[in-house]
């Protein structure tokens, strides 16, 4: 129950953010990822750095959407699509 309240608070905060701030947050994320990738080029080949960035992005997305999957929201969407 406590996680639902926390998730609702975070969602309400994100709803109040203006779209330009989300754009800036995305740009900062891109630049930080690129800066970390440049530092890794000395020890990891370019394909390995690209793979690490993809895996890190997937991890962030999974952590972000994990609660929705666990609550069955996504399963309901998939089953309603196939039952029609």
C-alpha atoms as a PDB file:
ATOM      1  CA  UNK A   1       0.000   0.000   0.000  1.00  0.00           C
ATOM      2  CA  UNK A   2       2.841   2.358   0.824  1.00  0.00           C
ATOM      3  CA  UNK A   3       4.419   1.860  -2.607  1.00  0.00           C
ATOM      4  CA  UNK A   4       1.184   2.898  -4.335  1.00  0.00           C
ATOM      5  CA  UNK A   5       1.142   6.166  -2.393  1.00  0.00           C
ATOM      6  CA  UNK A   6       4.785   6.812  -3.248  1.00  0.00           C
ATOM      7  CA  UNK A   7       4.156   6.027  -6.908  1.00  0.00           C
ATOM      8  CA  UNK A   8       1.171   8.366  -6.948  1.00  0.00           C
ATOM      9  CA  UNK A   9       3.268  11.159  -5.443  1.00  0.00           C
ATOM     10  CA  UNK A  10       5.996  10.682  -8.027  1.00  0.00           C
ATOM     11  CA  UNK A  11       3.446  10.566 -10.854  1.00  0.00           C
ATOM     12  CA  UNK A  12       1.792  13.765  -9.657  1.00  0.00           C
ATOM     13  CA  UNK A  13       5.179  15.490  -9.516  1.00  0.00           C
ATOM     14  CA  UNK A  14       5.967  14.376 -13.071  1.00  0.00           C
ATOM     15  CA  UNK A  15       2.561  15.580 -14.254  1.00  0.00           C
ATOM     16  CA  UNK A  16       3.350  19.047 -12.916  1.00  0.00           C
ATOM     17  CA  UNK A  17       6.680  19.286 -14.771  1.00  0.00           C
ATOM     18  CA  UNK A  18       6.492  21.412 -17.900  1.00  0.00           C
ATOM     19  CA  UNK A  19       7.458  19.638 -21.144  1.00  0.00           C
ATOM     20  CA  UNK A  20      10.610  21.756 -21.679  1.00  0.00           C
ATOM     21  CA  UNK A  21      12.041  20.502 -18.389  1.00  0.00           C
ATOM     22  CA  UNK A  22      11.536  16.899 -19.521  1.00  0.00           C
ATOM     23  CA  UNK A  23      13.327  17.786 -22.761  1.00  0.00           C
ATOM     24  CA  UNK A  24      16.255  19.235 -20.806  1.00  0.00           C
ATOM     25  CA  UNK A  25      16.343  16.173 -18.548  1.00  0.00           C
ATOM     26  CA  UNK A  26      16.518  13.942 -21.631  1.00  0.00           C
ATOM     27  CA  UNK A  27      19.328  16.045 -23.107  1.00  0.00           C
ATOM     28  CA  UNK A  28      21.313  15.892 -19.859  1.00  0.00           C
ATOM     29  CA  UNK A  29      20.841  12.131 -19.814  1.00  0.00           C
ATOM     30  CA  UNK A  30      22.201  11.870 -23.360  1.00  0.00           C
ATOM     31  CA  UNK A  31      25.257  14.001 -22.561  1.00  0.00           C
ATOM     32  CA  UNK A  32      26.047  12.106 -19.360  1.00  0.00           C
ATOM     33  CA  UNK A  33      25.764   8.790 -21.200  1.00  0.00           C
ATOM     34  CA  UNK A  34      28.046  10.045 -23.971  1.00  0.00           C
ATOM     35  CA  UNK A  35      30.596  11.357 -21.473  1.00  0.00           C
ATOM     36  CA  UNK A  36      30.690   8.007 -19.685  1.00  0.00           C
ATOM     37  CA  UNK A  37      31.006   6.206 -23.025  1.00  0.00           C
ATOM     38  CA  UNK A  38      34.021   8.326 -23.993  1.00  0.00           C
ATOM     39  CA  UNK A  39      35.722   7.372 -20.731  1.00  0.00           C
ATOM     40  CA  UNK A  40      35.070   3.684 -21.436  1.00  0.00           C
ATOM     41  CA  UNK A  41      36.531   3.744 -24.959  1.00  0.00           C
ATOM     42  CA  UNK A  42      40.054   3.375 -23.511  1.00  0.00           C
ATOM     43  CA  UNK A  43      39.270  -0.034 -22.015  1.00  0.00           C
ATOM     44  CA  UNK A  44      36.267  -1.370 -23.967  1.00  0.00           C
ATOM     45  CA  UNK A  45      35.783  -1.521 -27.758  1.00  0.00           C
ATOM     46  CA  UNK A  46      33.127   0.708 -29.339  1.00  0.00           C
ATOM     47  CA  UNK A  47      30.654  -2.158 -29.793  1.00  0.00           C
ATOM     48  CA  UNK A  48      31.051  -3.052 -26.104  1.00  0.00           C
ATOM     49  CA  UNK A  49      30.365   0.532 -25.048  1.00  0.00           C
ATOM     50  CA  UNK A  50      27.237   0.626 -27.219  1.00  0.00           C
ATOM     51  CA  UNK A  51      26.090  -2.671 -25.710  1.00  0.00           C
ATOM     52  CA  UNK A  52      26.668  -1.357 -22.173  1.00  0.00           C
ATOM     53  CA  UNK A  53      24.604   1.767 -22.928  1.00  0.00           C
ATOM     54  CA  UNK A  54      21.734  -0.341 -24.269  1.00  0.00           C
ATOM     55  CA  UNK A  55      21.801  -2.672 -21.261  1.00  0.00           C
ATOM     56  CA  UNK A  56      21.914   0.271 -18.837  1.00  0.00           C
ATOM     57  CA  UNK A  57      18.955   1.908 -20.605  1.00  0.00           C
ATOM     58  CA  UNK A  58      16.997  -1.337 -20.491  1.00  0.00           C
ATOM     59  CA  UNK A  59      17.723  -1.623 -16.775  1.00  0.00           C
ATOM     60  CA  UNK A  60      16.432   1.888 -16.140  1.00  0.00           C
ATOM     61  CA  UNK A  61      13.254   1.218 -18.124  1.00  0.00           C
ATOM     62  CA  UNK A  62      12.648  -2.091 -16.353  1.00  0.00           C
ATOM     63  CA  UNK A  63      13.121  -0.491 -12.944  1.00  0.00           C
ATOM     64  CA  UNK A  64      10.748   2.312 -13.920  1.00  0.00           C
ATOM     65  CA  UNK A  65       7.975   0.072 -15.274  1.00  0.00           C
ATOM     66  CA  UNK A  66       8.416  -2.869 -12.889  1.00  0.00           C
ATOM     67  CA  UNK A  67       5.573  -1.845 -10.595  1.00  0.00           C
ATOM     68  CA  UNK A  68       3.110  -1.634 -13.485  1.00  0.00           C
ATOM     69  CA  UNK A  69       3.949  -5.135 -14.656  1.00  0.00           C
ATOM     70  CA  UNK A  70       3.750  -6.554 -11.161  1.00  0.00           C
ATOM     71  CA  UNK A  71       0.355  -4.944 -10.611  1.00  0.00           C
ATOM     72  CA  UNK A  72      -0.947  -6.684 -13.727  1.00  0.00           C
ATOM     73  CA  UNK A  73      -1.638  -3.524 -15.690  1.00  0.00           C
ATOM     74  CA  UNK A  74       0.344  -4.638 -18.718  1.00  0.00           C
ATOM     75  CA  UNK A  75      -1.007  -8.188 -18.593  1.00  0.00           C
ATOM     76  CA  UNK A  76      -4.538  -6.790 -18.736  1.00  0.00           C
ATOM     77  CA  UNK A  77      -3.691  -4.761 -21.837  1.00  0.00           C
ATOM     78  CA  UNK A  78      -2.217  -7.756 -23.633  1.00  0.00           C
ATOM     79  CA  UNK A  79      -5.050 -10.132 -22.767  1.00  0.00           C
ATOM     80  CA  UNK A  80      -7.743  -7.615 -23.779  1.00  0.00           C
ATOM     81  CA  UNK A  81      -6.061  -7.141 -27.164  1.00  0.00           C
ATOM     82  CA  UNK A  82      -6.019 -10.870 -27.848  1.00  0.00           C
ATOM     83  CA  UNK A  83      -9.537 -11.549 -26.621  1.00  0.00           C
ATOM     84  CA  UNK A  84     -11.182  -9.146 -29.092  1.00  0.00           C
END
